[in-house]
Protein backbone atom coordinates (compact mmCIF):
# COMPACT_ATOMS: atom_id res chain seq x y z
CA UNK A 1 -3.22 7.75 2.75
CA UNK A 2 -3.54 9.46 -0.59
CA UNK A 3 -7.01 9.24 -2.14
CA UNK A 4 -7.26 12.13 -4.55
CA UNK A 5 -10.43 13.44 -6.14
CA UNK A 6 -10.30 13.75 -9.90
CA UNK A 7 -12.57 14.46 -12.86
CA UNK A 8 -13.50 11.30 -14.76
CA UNK A 9 -15.13 10.76 -18.14
CA UNK A 10 -17.41 7.73 -17.84
CA UNK A 11 -18.58 5.32 -20.56
CA UNK A 12 -21.62 7.36 -21.52
CA UNK A 13 -19.42 10.41 -22.09
CA UNK A 14 -20.30 12.67 -19.18
CA UNK A 15 -17.71 13.94 -16.68
CA UNK A 16 -18.11 13.09 -13.00
CA UNK A 17 -16.17 13.45 -9.76
CA UNK A 18 -14.29 10.30 -8.75
CA UNK A 19 -12.06 8.95 -6.03
CA UNK A 20 -8.60 7.92 -7.22
CA UNK A 21 -7.17 5.70 -4.46
CA UNK A 22 -3.71 4.15 -4.49
CA UNK A 23 -4.87 0.91 -2.83
CA UNK A 24 -7.87 -1.12 -4.02
CA UNK A 25 -9.52 -3.91 -2.04
CA UNK A 26 -11.19 -6.50 -4.26
CA UNK A 27 -13.09 -7.39 -2.16
CA UNK A 28 -14.28 -8.02 1.37
CA UNK A 29 -17.88 -7.92 0.11
CA UNK A 30 -17.68 -10.61 -2.59
CA UNK A 31 -15.29 -13.00 -4.31
CA UNK A 32 -14.15 -10.95 -7.30
CA UNK A 33 -11.27 -13.26 -8.36
CA UNK A 34 -13.43 -16.35 -8.95
CA UNK A 35 -16.70 -14.83 -10.16
CA UNK A 36 -15.79 -11.41 -11.55
CA UNK A 37 -12.14 -11.52 -12.72
CA UNK A 38 -13.03 -10.84 -16.35
CA UNK A 39 -15.31 -7.97 -15.31
CA UNK A 40 -12.65 -6.51 -13.01
CA UNK A 41 -9.86 -6.50 -15.59
CA UNK A 42 -12.21 -5.11 -18.20
CA UNK A 43 -13.01 -2.25 -15.83
CA UNK A 44 -9.31 -1.83 -15.07
CA UNK A 45 -8.74 -1.28 -18.79
CA UNK A 46 -11.67 1.16 -18.89
CA UNK A 47 -10.14 3.04 -15.96
CA UNK A 48 -12.92 3.08 -13.38
CA UNK A 49 -15.80 1.33 -11.61
CA UNK A 50 -19.11 2.57 -10.28
CA UNK A 51 -19.72 1.66 -6.65
CA UNK A 52 -22.83 1.83 -4.48
CA UNK A 53 -22.51 2.35 -0.74
CA UNK A 54 -24.34 -0.62 0.87
CA UNK A 55 -25.46 1.44 3.87
CA UNK A 56 -26.90 4.59 2.31
CA UNK A 57 -27.26 3.60 -1.34
CA UNK A 58 -25.16 6.52 -2.55
CA UNK A 59 -23.42 5.94 -5.90
CA UNK A 60 -19.84 7.06 -6.46
CA UNK A 61 -17.08 6.48 -8.99
CA UNK A 62 -13.67 4.98 -8.33
CA UNK A 63 -10.88 5.72 -10.79
CA UNK A 64 -7.86 3.46 -11.25
CA UNK A 65 -5.72 6.38 -12.45
CA UNK A 66 -3.57 6.39 -9.30
CA UNK A 67 -3.87 2.72 -8.34
CA UNK A 68 -0.55 1.23 -7.32
CA UNK A 69 -1.61 -1.85 -5.37
CA UNK A 70 -4.54 -4.28 -5.17
CA UNK A 71 -5.43 -6.72 -2.41
CA UNK A 72 -7.56 -9.58 -3.67
CA UNK A 73 -9.75 -11.69 -1.36
CA UNK A 74 -10.90 -15.12 -2.50
CA UNK A 75 -11.71 -18.74 -1.70
CA UNK A 76 -10.82 -19.89 -5.21
CA UNK A 77 -8.61 -17.39 -7.04
CA UNK A 78 -7.68 -19.78 -9.86
CA UNK A 79 -9.47 -17.61 -12.49
CA UNK A 80 -7.12 -14.78 -11.52
CA UNK A 81 -4.03 -16.60 -12.83
CA UNK A 82 -4.26 -15.66 -16.54
CA UNK A 83 -4.88 -11.99 -15.67
CA UNK A 84 -1.89 -11.46 -13.38
CA UNK A 85 0.50 -10.47 -16.21
CA UNK A 86 -1.77 -7.49 -16.89
CA UNK A 87 -1.00 -6.12 -13.43
CA UNK A 88 2.71 -6.55 -14.04
CA UNK A 89 2.42 -4.68 -17.34
CA UNK A 90 0.66 -1.83 -15.58
CA UNK A 91 3.17 -1.75 -12.72
CA UNK A 92 0.47 -2.56 -10.17
CA UNK A 93 1.44 -4.77 -7.23
CA UNK A 94 -0.87 -7.24 -5.52
CA UNK A 95 -1.22 -9.94 -2.96
CA UNK A 96 -4.04 -12.36 -2.24
CA UNK A 97 -5.89 -13.01 0.98
CA UNK A 98 -6.69 -16.67 0.26
CA UNK A 99 -9.36 -18.20 2.50
CA UNK A 100 -8.41 -21.86 2.40
CA UNK A 101 -10.77 -23.61 4.80
CA UNK A 102 -11.64 -27.28 4.94
CA UNK A 103 -15.35 -27.61 5.55
CA UNK A 104 -15.69 -30.06 2.67
CA UNK A 105 -17.17 -33.03 4.52
CA UNK A 106 -19.54 -30.79 6.50
CA UNK A 107 -20.89 -29.00 3.40
CA UNK A 108 -20.49 -25.49 4.83
CA UNK A 109 -18.92 -24.21 1.59
CA UNK A 110 -20.99 -26.06 -1.05
CA UNK A 111 -19.71 -24.33 -4.19
CA UNK A 112 -15.94 -24.24 -3.66
CA UNK A 113 -13.71 -26.81 -5.41
CA UNK A 114 -12.24 -29.79 -3.53
CA UNK A 115 -9.65 -28.86 -0.93
CA UNK A 116 -6.75 -30.52 -2.77
CA UNK A 117 -7.56 -28.51 -5.90
CA UNK A 118 -7.58 -25.27 -3.91
CA UNK A 119 -4.24 -26.17 -2.32
CA UNK A 120 -2.73 -26.64 -5.79
CA UNK A 121 -4.11 -23.22 -6.79
CA UNK A 122 -2.39 -21.74 -3.75
CA UNK A 123 0.94 -23.20 -4.85
CA UNK A 124 0.54 -21.99 -8.44
CA UNK A 125 -0.20 -18.48 -7.22
CA UNK A 126 2.88 -18.46 -4.99
CA UNK A 127 4.99 -19.73 -7.88
CA UNK A 128 3.68 -16.86 -10.00
CA UNK A 129 3.65 -14.02 -7.48
CA UNK A 130 6.47 -14.96 -5.12
CA UNK A 131 6.79 -15.80 -1.40
CA UNK A 132 4.51 -13.84 0.93
CA UNK A 133 2.16 -12.77 -1.87
CA UNK A 134 -0.48 -15.33 -0.96
CA UNK A 135 -1.71 -15.18 2.64
CA UNK A 136 -3.39 -18.26 4.07
CA UNK A 137 -6.61 -17.66 6.00
CA UNK A 138 -8.63 -20.29 7.86
CA UNK A 139 -11.52 -17.99 8.49
CA UNK A 140 -13.82 -18.33 10.30
CA UNK A 141 -13.32 -21.15 12.76
CA UNK A 142 -16.78 -22.60 13.41
CA UNK A 143 -17.88 -24.92 16.20
CA UNK A 144 -20.88 -27.15 15.42
CA UNK A 145 -22.27 -30.53 16.43
CA UNK A 146 -19.95 -31.99 13.77
CA UNK A 147 -16.92 -29.74 14.19
CA UNK A 148 -14.99 -29.68 17.47
CA UNK A 149 -11.94 -27.60 18.29
CA UNK A 150 -9.79 -30.73 17.94
CA UNK A 151 -11.23 -31.39 14.50
CA UNK A 152 -10.41 -27.82 13.45
CA UNK A 153 -6.84 -28.26 14.64
CA UNK A 154 -6.56 -31.46 12.61
CA UNK A 155 -7.87 -29.68 9.51
CA UNK A 156 -5.39 -26.82 9.94
CA UNK A 157 -2.47 -29.19 10.47
CA UNK A 158 -3.36 -31.17 7.36
CA UNK A 159 -3.50 -28.04 5.16
CA UNK A 160 -0.30 -26.67 6.71
CA UNK A 161 1.54 -29.86 5.80
CA UNK A 162 0.46 -29.45 2.17
CA UNK A 163 1.49 -25.78 2.16
CA UNK A 164 4.92 -26.33 3.69
CA UNK A 165 7.32 -23.96 1.96
CA UNK A 166 4.47 -22.04 0.32
CA UNK A 167 3.07 -20.01 3.21
CA UNK A 168 4.63 -17.84 5.88
CA UNK A 169 1.53 -17.04 7.88
CA UNK A 170 -1.85 -18.33 9.03
CA UNK A 171 -4.61 -15.80 9.70
CA UNK A 172 -7.62 -17.08 11.59
CA UNK A 173 -10.69 -15.76 13.35
CA UNK A 174 -13.35 -17.23 15.59
CA UNK A 175 -16.89 -17.18 14.22
CA UNK A 176 -18.76 -14.42 16.04
CA UNK A 177 -22.23 -15.47 15.03
CA UNK A 178 -24.17 -13.38 17.54
CA UNK A 179 -22.80 -10.18 16.00
CA UNK A 180 -24.24 -10.99 12.56
CA UNK A 181 -27.88 -12.03 12.93
CA UNK A 182 -28.18 -13.11 9.30
CA UNK A 183 -25.28 -15.54 9.82
CA UNK A 184 -27.10 -17.26 12.66
CA UNK A 185 -30.30 -17.29 10.61
CA UNK A 186 -28.59 -18.80 7.57
CA UNK A 187 -26.87 -21.47 9.67
CA UNK A 188 -30.17 -22.37 11.34
CA UNK A 189 -31.96 -22.50 7.97
CA UNK A 190 -29.24 -24.89 6.75
CA UNK A 191 -29.80 -27.15 9.77
CA UNK A 192 -26.41 -26.39 11.33
CA UNK A 193 -26.35 -26.45 15.13
CA UNK A 194 -23.56 -24.04 15.98
CA UNK A 195 -21.85 -22.99 19.20
CA UNK A 196 -20.40 -19.61 20.09
CA UNK A 197 -16.75 -19.44 21.09
CA UNK A 198 -16.05 -18.50 24.70
CA UNK A 199 -12.86 -16.63 25.57
CA UNK A 200 -11.67 -19.70 27.47
CA UNK A 201 -12.23 -21.87 24.38
CA UNK A 202 -10.33 -19.36 22.24
CA UNK A 203 -7.39 -19.45 24.64
CA UNK A 204 -7.37 -23.25 24.70
CA UNK A 205 -7.49 -23.36 20.91
CA UNK A 206 -4.61 -20.89 20.53
CA UNK A 207 -2.54 -22.86 23.05
CA UNK A 208 -3.12 -26.09 21.12
CA UNK A 209 -2.49 -24.45 17.76
CA UNK A 210 0.81 -23.06 19.00
CA UNK A 211 1.85 -26.49 20.25
CA UNK A 212 1.53 -27.89 16.72
CA UNK A 213 4.73 -25.99 15.82
CA UNK A 214 3.63 -25.39 12.23
CA UNK A 215 6.66 -23.21 11.55
CA UNK A 216 4.60 -20.24 10.34
CA UNK A 217 3.45 -16.98 11.88
CA UNK A 218 0.07 -17.18 13.64
CA UNK A 219 -2.24 -14.15 13.65
CA UNK A 220 -5.88 -13.36 14.25
CA UNK A 221 -8.17 -11.07 12.28
CA UNK A 222 -10.01 -8.38 14.26
CA UNK A 223 -10.13 -10.42 17.46
CA UNK A 224 -10.32 -8.73 20.86
CA UNK A 225 -8.83 -11.65 22.77
CA UNK A 226 -5.10 -11.34 23.48
CA UNK A 227 -3.36 -14.54 22.41
CA UNK A 228 0.18 -13.18 22.46
CA UNK A 229 1.22 -15.57 25.21
CA UNK A 230 0.71 -18.35 22.65
CA UNK A 231 2.75 -16.59 19.99
CA UNK A 232 -0.30 -15.30 18.14
CA UNK A 233 -0.46 -11.66 17.07
CA UNK A 234 -3.04 -9.36 15.48
CA UNK A 235 -3.01 -9.32 11.69
CA UNK A 236 -3.25 -6.35 9.33
CA UNK A 237 -4.94 -7.80 6.28
CA UNK A 238 -4.25 -4.64 4.30
CA UNK A 239 -0.71 -4.37 5.52
CA UNK A 240 1.73 -1.59 4.59
CA UNK A 241 4.74 -3.72 5.54
CA UNK A 242 3.71 -6.45 3.11
CA UNK A 243 2.87 -3.90 0.41
CA UNK A 244 6.31 -2.30 0.72
CA UNK A 245 8.00 -5.70 0.79
CA UNK A 246 6.37 -6.62 -2.52
CA UNK A 247 6.76 -3.16 -4.08
CA UNK A 248 9.56 -1.35 -2.20
CA UNK A 249 9.39 1.61 -4.55
CA UNK A 250 5.93 2.48 -3.20
CA UNK A 251 7.20 3.44 0.23
CA UNK A 252 8.05 6.96 -0.90
CA UNK A 253 4.71 7.32 -2.71
CA UNK A 254 2.54 6.73 0.34
CA UNK A 255 1.99 9.28 3.06
CA UNK A 256 -0.29 9.65 6.08
CA UNK A 257 -1.02 5.93 6.35
CA UNK A 258 -3.97 5.51 8.69
CA UNK A 259 -6.12 2.67 9.94
CA UNK A 260 -9.35 2.28 8.02
CA UNK A 261 -12.11 3.87 10.11
CA UNK A 262 -14.73 2.20 7.93
CA UNK A 263 -13.83 -1.24 9.29
CA UNK A 264 -14.51 -2.90 12.64
CA UNK A 265 -12.96 -1.21 15.65
CA UNK A 266 -10.43 -4.02 16.12
CA UNK A 267 -9.37 -4.13 12.46
CA UNK A 268 -5.72 -3.25 11.87
CA UNK A 269 -5.99 -2.58 8.13
CA UNK A 270 -4.83 0.67 6.58
CA UNK A 271 -7.28 2.55 4.39
CA UNK A 272 -8.09 1.09 0.98
CA UNK A 273 -11.06 1.48 -1.32
CA UNK A 274 -13.22 -1.63 -1.49
CA UNK A 275 -15.10 -1.94 -4.79
CA UNK A 276 -17.23 -5.02 -4.11
CA UNK A 277 -20.95 -5.45 -3.55
CA UNK A 278 -22.81 -7.53 -0.98
CA UNK A 279 -25.26 -10.25 -2.05
CA UNK A 280 -23.21 -11.13 -5.14
CA UNK A 281 -21.11 -14.15 -4.10
CA UNK A 282 -22.45 -17.51 -5.38
CA UNK A 283 -20.14 -19.65 -3.23
CA UNK A 284 -23.15 -20.30 -1.00
CA UNK A 285 -21.17 -20.62 2.24
CA UNK A 286 -23.79 -21.13 4.92
CA UNK A 287 -21.98 -18.92 7.46
CA UNK A 288 -21.48 -15.97 5.07
CA UNK A 289 -22.01 -12.49 6.50
CA UNK A 290 -21.97 -10.81 3.06
CA UNK A 291 -25.09 -12.49 1.65
CA UNK A 292 -28.56 -11.87 3.03
CA UNK A 293 -30.16 -14.77 1.17
CA UNK A 294 -29.40 -17.29 -1.60
CA UNK A 295 -32.28 -15.84 -3.66
CA UNK A 296 -30.84 -12.31 -3.72
CA UNK A 297 -27.44 -13.69 -4.75
CA UNK A 298 -28.94 -15.70 -7.62
CA UNK A 299 -30.88 -12.69 -8.89
CA UNK A 300 -27.86 -10.41 -8.72
CA UNK A 301 -25.61 -12.92 -10.47
CA UNK A 302 -28.17 -13.26 -13.26
CA UNK A 303 -28.21 -9.47 -13.61
CA UNK A 304 -24.41 -9.45 -13.86
CA UNK A 305 -24.40 -12.17 -16.53
CA UNK A 306 -26.90 -10.15 -18.56
CA UNK A 307 -24.59 -7.10 -18.53
CA UNK A 308 -21.03 -8.36 -17.87
CA UNK A 309 -19.44 -5.15 -19.18
CA UNK A 310 -21.43 -2.89 -16.88
CA UNK A 311 -19.42 -0.38 -14.86
CA UNK A 312 -20.59 -1.97 -11.60
CA UNK A 313 -20.82 -5.62 -10.54
CA UNK A 314 -24.62 -5.51 -10.48
């Protein structure tokens, strides 16, 4: 897709090279809508952000000059609501990947609001943005001593009943704890005895989920297992079809749409520029892959609060 290089004048006055992507991801690495909405829209007005590559530490600049669409990722996007008219004024489209899990009684997501409050936020966002603009995720599905597959199905069914008429799709994934060592470490430190999903257990779960007849599309996120026989497909979280549905006029503006090589091999997303930073999400979810430790998150959030108008999150 188009991701032009441009010259950019930054806050201090110097001119630098910058990426100018059409699609922004905000963000797989942290929850920008709940913790950094004011920062994000301030930077949108300034025209750019500074971003540090988490793998090599290299700093680069991302300009919003050509931005036409933003995908937000959040577990509590309520703070986004008052800012949405700004996007409309700028002619920028968006949709929200809304992770609406129910691990309330188990304490796996200690700093998210009560589930009923988050469901009401989901409905308000749909009312404001329109059908299809808020995508429900129950992600990840975790098996523990306290959470069985049947209990997960009950949780999903309960949320689905509340969201009837407000969601068209459910995106889910199975917790792959062995792939992310820090996730297993954080769960163990929190005293959570977890179990890995087997392929057989995944198939059984998909079969049971399909039998619930929720009346919505079922898809998985970056899962190798083929669940198509149970009516479950592979999702594209950054999805050109959904982008063009929301903003049909963008179809002619995009060319050479390609899958994002920077994501996992099984990811179906097209290329977008993510502007988030790891170790900056204070939700405190014990299974989080984006935070190395609670201490590093606290320190980074303090740094952000001390300089909320900085050109980067940290």
